[in-house]
Protein backbone atom coordinates (compact mmCIF):
# COMPACT_ATOMS: atom_id res chain seq x y z
CA MET A 1 59.18 26.81 56.15
CA SER A 2 62.37 26.24 54.26
CA GLY A 3 64.76 23.53 55.37
CA ASP A 4 64.72 21.00 58.21
CA LYS A 5 66.09 23.30 60.92
CA ASN A 6 64.69 26.43 62.50
CA SER A 7 65.79 29.73 61.07
CA ALA A 8 66.29 32.67 63.41
CA VAL A 9 62.90 34.02 62.38
CA GLY A 10 61.28 30.63 62.94
CA GLU A 11 62.77 30.38 66.41
CA GLN A 12 61.53 33.90 67.16
CA GLY A 13 58.06 32.83 66.05
CA VAL A 14 58.11 29.88 68.41
CA ARG A 15 59.27 32.05 71.32
CA SER A 16 56.64 34.66 70.44
CA GLY A 17 53.93 32.00 70.53
CA GLU A 18 55.11 30.76 73.93
CA LYS A 19 55.06 34.27 75.40
CA ALA A 20 51.66 34.97 73.88
CA ALA A 21 50.22 31.79 75.35
CA LYS A 22 51.17 33.01 78.83
CA ARG A 23 49.77 36.49 78.18
CA SER A 24 46.55 35.07 76.74
CA SER A 25 45.74 32.40 79.33
CA GLY A 26 44.11 34.70 81.88
CA ALA A 27 42.03 36.58 79.32
CA ALA A 28 41.01 33.35 77.62
CA ARG A 29 39.75 31.85 80.88
CA SER A 30 37.77 35.01 81.60
CA ALA A 31 36.20 35.04 78.13
CA LYS A 32 35.38 31.35 78.39
CA SER A 33 33.53 31.81 81.66
CA SER A 34 31.57 34.83 80.44
CA GLY A 35 30.77 33.60 76.93
CA ALA A 36 32.07 36.87 75.50
CA PRO A 37 33.97 37.02 72.20
CA LEU A 38 37.69 36.48 72.58
CA LYS A 39 40.18 39.23 71.94
CA PRO A 40 43.77 38.79 70.76
CA PRO A 41 46.58 39.99 73.07
CA GLY A 42 46.43 43.78 73.22
CA GLY A 43 42.73 43.89 74.07
CA SER A 44 41.21 44.64 70.67
CA LEU A 45 39.99 42.73 67.67
CA GLU A 46 40.55 45.81 65.55
CA PRO A 47 43.74 46.22 63.54
CA SER A 48 46.15 48.69 65.15
CA ALA A 49 47.20 50.12 61.81
CA ARG A 50 45.31 49.64 58.61
CA PRO A 51 46.90 49.85 55.17
CA ALA A 52 46.23 53.02 53.21
CA ASN A 53 43.72 52.31 50.48
CA GLY A 54 42.24 55.68 49.56
CA PRO A 55 42.83 57.86 46.50
CA SER A 56 45.65 59.72 48.24
CA ALA A 57 47.60 56.55 48.98
CA ARG A 58 50.88 56.24 47.12
CA PRO A 59 51.07 53.43 44.56
CA ALA A 60 52.69 50.45 46.26
CA LYS A 61 55.96 49.18 44.85
CA PRO A 62 55.99 45.54 43.76
CA GLU A 63 56.85 43.37 46.76
CA SER A 64 60.14 41.52 46.49
CA HIS A 65 60.30 37.83 47.34
CA LEU A 66 62.37 38.59 50.43
CA ALA A 67 59.84 41.17 51.60
CA MET A 68 57.02 38.67 51.07
CA VAL A 69 58.87 36.03 53.11
CA ARG A 70 59.40 38.50 55.95
CA ARG A 71 55.75 39.54 55.85
CA ALA A 72 54.59 35.91 55.78
CA ARG A 73 56.71 35.02 58.78
CA ARG A 74 55.46 38.05 60.65
CA ILE A 75 51.88 37.02 59.92
CA ASN A 76 52.67 33.57 61.34
CA ARG A 77 54.08 35.16 64.50
CA GLU A 78 51.01 37.38 64.86
CA LEU A 79 48.68 34.42 64.38
CA ALA A 80 50.62 32.51 67.05
CA GLU A 81 49.69 35.28 69.47
CA VAL A 82 46.05 35.38 68.41
CA TYR A 83 45.59 31.59 68.42
CA PRO A 84 48.02 30.09 70.96
CA TYR A 85 45.49 27.28 71.37
CA ALA A 86 45.20 26.37 67.65
CA HIS A 87 44.69 22.65 67.18
CA PRO A 88 43.17 20.09 64.78
CA GLU A 89 39.40 20.51 64.95
CA LEU A 90 38.60 16.83 64.66
CA ASP A 91 38.00 14.75 67.79
CA PHE A 92 40.29 11.72 68.02
CA ARG A 93 42.00 9.51 70.59
CA ASN A 94 44.45 7.60 68.41
CA PRO A 95 45.91 7.61 64.87
CA PHE A 96 43.18 5.34 63.49
CA GLU A 97 40.41 7.65 64.70
CA LEU A 98 42.16 10.69 63.25
CA LEU A 99 42.65 8.94 59.92
CA VAL A 100 39.00 7.93 59.71
CA ALA A 101 37.75 11.34 60.84
CA THR A 102 39.91 13.12 58.26
CA VAL A 103 38.58 10.92 55.44
CA LEU A 104 35.04 11.67 56.61
CA SER A 105 35.72 15.43 56.69
CA ALA A 106 35.79 15.71 52.89
CA GLN A 107 32.94 17.94 51.64
CA THR A 108 31.53 18.50 55.12
CA THR A 109 32.33 20.35 58.34
CA ASP A 110 34.53 19.12 61.15
CA LEU A 111 31.57 19.71 63.44
CA ARG A 112 29.42 17.25 61.52
CA VAL A 113 32.22 14.69 61.60
CA ASN A 114 32.71 15.14 65.34
CA GLN A 115 29.00 14.65 65.90
CA THR A 116 29.10 11.43 63.87
CA THR A 117 32.26 9.66 65.03
CA PRO A 118 31.22 8.78 68.62
CA ALA A 119 28.66 6.27 67.31
CA LEU A 120 31.03 5.16 64.55
CA PHE A 121 33.92 4.31 66.87
CA ALA A 122 31.59 2.72 69.41
CA ALA A 123 30.54 0.29 66.67
CA TYR A 124 33.93 -0.11 64.96
CA PRO A 125 36.80 0.75 67.34
CA THR A 126 39.58 -0.95 65.35
CA PRO A 127 40.58 -1.41 61.70
CA GLU A 128 39.68 -5.09 62.00
CA ASP A 129 36.16 -4.19 63.13
CA MET A 130 35.64 -1.61 60.40
CA ALA A 131 37.02 -3.86 57.66
CA ALA A 132 34.42 -6.48 58.62
CA ALA A 133 31.51 -4.05 58.77
CA VAL A 134 28.25 -4.65 56.93
CA PRO A 135 28.39 -1.86 54.32
CA GLU A 136 24.77 -0.79 54.77
CA GLU A 137 25.19 -0.49 58.54
CA LEU A 138 28.38 1.55 58.19
CA GLU A 139 26.71 3.79 55.61
CA ALA A 140 23.79 4.45 57.95
CA ILE A 141 26.10 5.70 60.69
CA ILE A 142 28.18 8.02 58.50
CA ARG A 143 25.26 9.23 56.36
CA PRO A 144 25.21 12.71 58.05
CA THR A 145 28.69 13.45 56.64
CA GLY A 146 27.51 13.18 53.02
CA PHE A 147 28.83 11.01 50.16
CA PHE A 148 28.36 8.16 52.61
CA ARG A 149 28.58 5.29 50.12
CA ALA A 150 31.92 6.40 48.69
CA LYS A 151 33.24 7.18 52.17
CA ALA A 152 32.12 3.78 53.46
CA ARG A 153 34.05 2.08 50.66
CA SER A 154 37.14 4.12 51.50
CA LEU A 155 36.88 3.37 55.22
CA MET A 156 36.43 -0.35 54.68
CA GLY A 157 39.22 -0.40 52.11
CA LEU A 158 41.75 1.47 54.24
CA SER A 159 40.79 -0.61 57.29
CA ALA A 160 41.39 -3.83 55.36
CA ALA A 161 44.76 -2.51 54.16
CA LEU A 162 45.75 -1.59 57.73
CA ARG A 163 44.72 -5.06 58.89
CA ASP A 164 46.43 -6.95 56.09
CA ASP A 165 49.52 -4.85 55.37
CA PHE A 166 50.35 -2.96 58.56
CA GLY A 167 49.39 -5.26 61.40
CA GLY A 168 46.30 -3.23 62.24
CA GLU A 169 48.36 -0.08 62.89
CA VAL A 170 48.34 3.26 61.05
CA PRO A 171 51.75 3.73 59.41
CA GLY A 172 53.79 6.82 60.26
CA ARG A 173 55.22 7.44 56.79
CA LEU A 174 53.76 9.57 54.01
CA LYS A 175 54.54 7.04 51.30
CA ASP A 176 52.59 4.36 53.15
CA LEU A 177 49.63 6.52 54.07
CA VAL A 178 48.95 7.77 50.54
CA LYS A 179 48.65 4.15 49.35
CA LEU A 180 45.56 3.65 51.51
CA PRO A 181 42.13 4.00 49.84
CA GLY A 182 40.73 7.51 50.18
CA VAL A 183 43.97 8.97 51.56
CA GLY A 184 45.82 11.77 49.76
CA ARG A 185 48.62 14.11 50.82
CA LYS A 186 46.30 16.41 52.78
CA THR A 187 44.91 13.57 54.89
CA ALA A 188 48.36 12.04 55.30
CA ASN A 189 49.84 15.34 56.52
CA VAL A 190 47.00 15.78 59.03
CA VAL A 191 47.69 12.33 60.46
CA LEU A 192 51.47 12.67 60.45
CA GLY A 193 51.49 16.12 62.02
CA ASN A 194 48.92 15.48 64.73
CA ALA A 195 49.23 11.77 65.54
CA PHE A 196 52.96 11.22 64.95
CA GLY A 197 54.54 14.65 65.40
CA VAL A 198 55.94 14.65 61.86
CA PRO A 199 55.82 18.22 60.46
CA GLY A 200 53.54 18.73 57.50
CA ILE A 201 51.53 21.42 55.72
CA THR A 202 47.82 20.72 55.34
CA VAL A 203 46.47 22.43 52.23
CA ASP A 204 42.72 22.41 52.69
CA THR A 205 40.23 24.89 51.25
CA HIS A 206 40.85 27.50 53.96
CA PHE A 207 44.63 27.24 53.84
CA GLY A 208 44.83 27.54 50.06
CA ARG A 209 42.39 30.45 50.00
CA LEU A 210 44.24 32.48 52.63
CA VAL A 211 47.80 31.96 51.36
CA ARG A 212 46.66 33.16 47.94
CA ARG A 213 44.80 36.10 49.48
CA TRP A 214 47.99 37.01 51.35
CA LYS A 215 50.05 36.71 48.13
CA TRP A 216 52.30 33.97 49.50
CA THR A 217 51.64 31.96 46.36
CA GLU A 218 49.61 32.10 43.17
CA GLN A 219 49.40 28.33 42.82
CA GLU A 220 46.04 26.53 42.77
CA ASP A 221 47.27 22.93 42.82
CA PRO A 222 47.50 21.77 46.46
CA GLU A 223 50.85 20.04 46.02
CA LYS A 224 52.38 23.13 44.42
CA VAL A 225 50.91 25.31 47.18
CA GLU A 226 52.43 22.96 49.77
CA ALA A 227 55.85 23.12 48.12
CA GLU A 228 55.91 26.93 47.84
CA ILE A 229 54.74 27.52 51.42
CA ALA A 230 57.19 24.93 52.74
CA ALA A 231 60.00 26.99 51.21
CA ILE A 232 58.97 30.07 53.23
CA PHE A 233 58.89 28.61 56.75
CA PRO A 234 61.15 26.36 58.84
CA LYS A 235 59.97 22.76 58.93
CA SER A 236 59.31 22.91 62.66
CA GLU A 237 56.53 25.45 62.01
CA TRP A 238 54.65 23.57 59.30
CA THR A 239 52.03 21.81 61.41
CA MET A 240 51.19 24.75 63.67
CA LEU A 241 51.22 27.17 60.73
CA SER A 242 48.55 25.00 59.12
CA HIS A 243 46.38 25.14 62.25
CA ARG A 244 46.78 28.90 62.66
CA VAL A 245 45.92 29.70 59.05
CA VAL A 246 42.88 27.40 59.09
CA PHE A 247 41.72 28.84 62.43
CA HIS A 248 41.97 32.36 61.02
CA GLY A 249 40.12 31.40 57.86
CA ARG A 250 37.27 29.84 59.79
CA ARG A 251 36.92 32.62 62.36
CA ILE A 252 37.80 35.94 60.74
CA CYS A 253 39.05 35.74 57.14
CA HIS A 254 35.94 34.22 55.58
CA SER A 255 35.69 33.42 51.91
CA ARG A 256 32.85 35.69 50.82
CA LYS A 257 32.82 38.32 53.56
CA PRO A 258 36.05 38.54 55.56
CA ALA A 259 35.86 40.54 58.79
CA CYS A 260 38.59 42.99 57.80
CA GLY A 261 37.61 45.54 60.44
CA ALA A 262 38.16 43.00 63.22
CA CYS A 263 41.31 41.41 61.81
CA PRO A 264 44.46 41.67 63.95
CA ILE A 265 46.74 41.24 60.92
CA ALA A 266 44.99 43.74 58.63
CA ALA A 267 48.10 45.93 58.43
CA LEU A 268 49.98 43.00 56.87
CA CYS A 269 47.25 41.91 54.47
CA PRO A 270 47.37 42.98 50.80
CA ALA A 271 43.67 42.12 50.48
CA TYR A 272 42.48 44.41 53.27
CA GLY A 273 39.19 46.01 52.26
CA GLU A 274 37.75 43.03 50.40
CA GLY A 275 35.44 42.48 53.36
CA GLU A 276 33.66 44.52 56.01
CA THR A 277 35.98 47.25 57.34
CA ASP A 278 33.66 48.82 59.92
CA PRO A 279 34.89 47.43 63.26
CA GLU A 280 31.46 47.00 64.84
CA LYS A 281 29.93 45.37 61.77
CA ALA A 282 33.02 43.18 61.35
CA LYS A 283 32.77 41.89 64.93
CA LYS A 284 29.34 40.48 64.10
CA LEU A 285 30.96 38.26 61.46
CA LEU A 286 33.32 36.50 63.88
CA LYS A 287 32.75 32.80 64.41
CA TYR A 288 33.37 30.16 67.08
CA GLU A 289 35.17 31.34 70.22
CA MET A 290 36.05 34.68 68.60
CA GLY A 291 32.35 35.47 68.34
CA GLY A 292 31.36 33.91 71.66
CA HIS A 293 29.97 30.75 70.02
CA PRO A 294 30.70 27.02 70.58
CA GLY A 295 33.65 25.47 68.75
CA GLN A 296 33.65 22.46 66.44
CA ARG A 297 35.00 19.80 68.80
CA LEU A 298 32.82 17.95 71.29
CA SER A 299 36.00 17.22 73.26
CA PRO A 300 38.34 20.19 72.71
CA PRO A 301 41.83 20.39 74.23
CA PRO A 302 42.05 21.71 77.81
CA ASP A 303 43.52 25.05 76.69
CA TYR A 304 40.73 25.81 74.24
CA PRO A 305 39.05 28.99 75.56
CA GLY A 306 35.68 28.45 73.91
CA SER A 307 32.83 26.09 74.73
CA PRO A 308 32.50 22.55 73.28
CA ALA A 309 30.23 21.79 70.34
CA PRO A 310 26.88 20.11 71.07
CA PRO A 311 26.41 16.44 70.25
CA LEU A 312 24.35 15.36 67.23
CA GLY A 313 20.69 16.23 67.68
CA ALA A 314 21.24 18.55 70.62
CA GLY A 315 20.04 22.14 70.52
């Protein structure tokens, strides 16, 4: 995502995503109603062409930087077709709720956060309310998310800062957000990209893992990963790229056992073969809507083709 304006490839990726959304809408509605696993456009979860990896395969030449950039942008275009409905998987109705939910999401799942926040925001709907909370009562509500004492301190601290320094409103600038207790660049980029429409790359565990697996970067430090990936793609793609990569990591390209045999971008992946390559066995590894299971949001966007997550204590 290099530069502030779209490159020709970036614009092509956007157009490709728009076309794919139209092609996918009918199939997605059908899969949603039947509870069947979703399939990317083309009708198959299996890769159309897998990389050669046997003894007879020719040794691959080292990939040039330009070739890597082209491959990375093609992967982004392919993911736009597979996940035209990619979105943040935290439930929120305003910037404050997204900020709080993102802080809570550290070291837990988005599902657990989404099951916890309805009661939290019913009790503390504004920064003023949360800043004045009784710590023990706040801790009891957010306990299911883990590290609840530290998170409660962060939530009360950032709420007090919003009340005292920003008129009770979440600021829309990175430099202001990262000054809040418990808020780093990842959280700030989530809020900016999804509550304010400011492009940003969210380097969470899934994103960092996949971009290294795909050889887009060798960096481990999140800020260095962010900088190197930002140089590959146009700025307009940063937020949606983040969603697509995270979606793929959660559904198909798992950490310990990726579903290589059901991966629609296997032909572009230098790590193909690290996981299960048998198509039928790989399909059993698919998660969320790809595997016919509920998603993580209790209130997903209207275009999400899967079923909502159950509330806390249900099922």
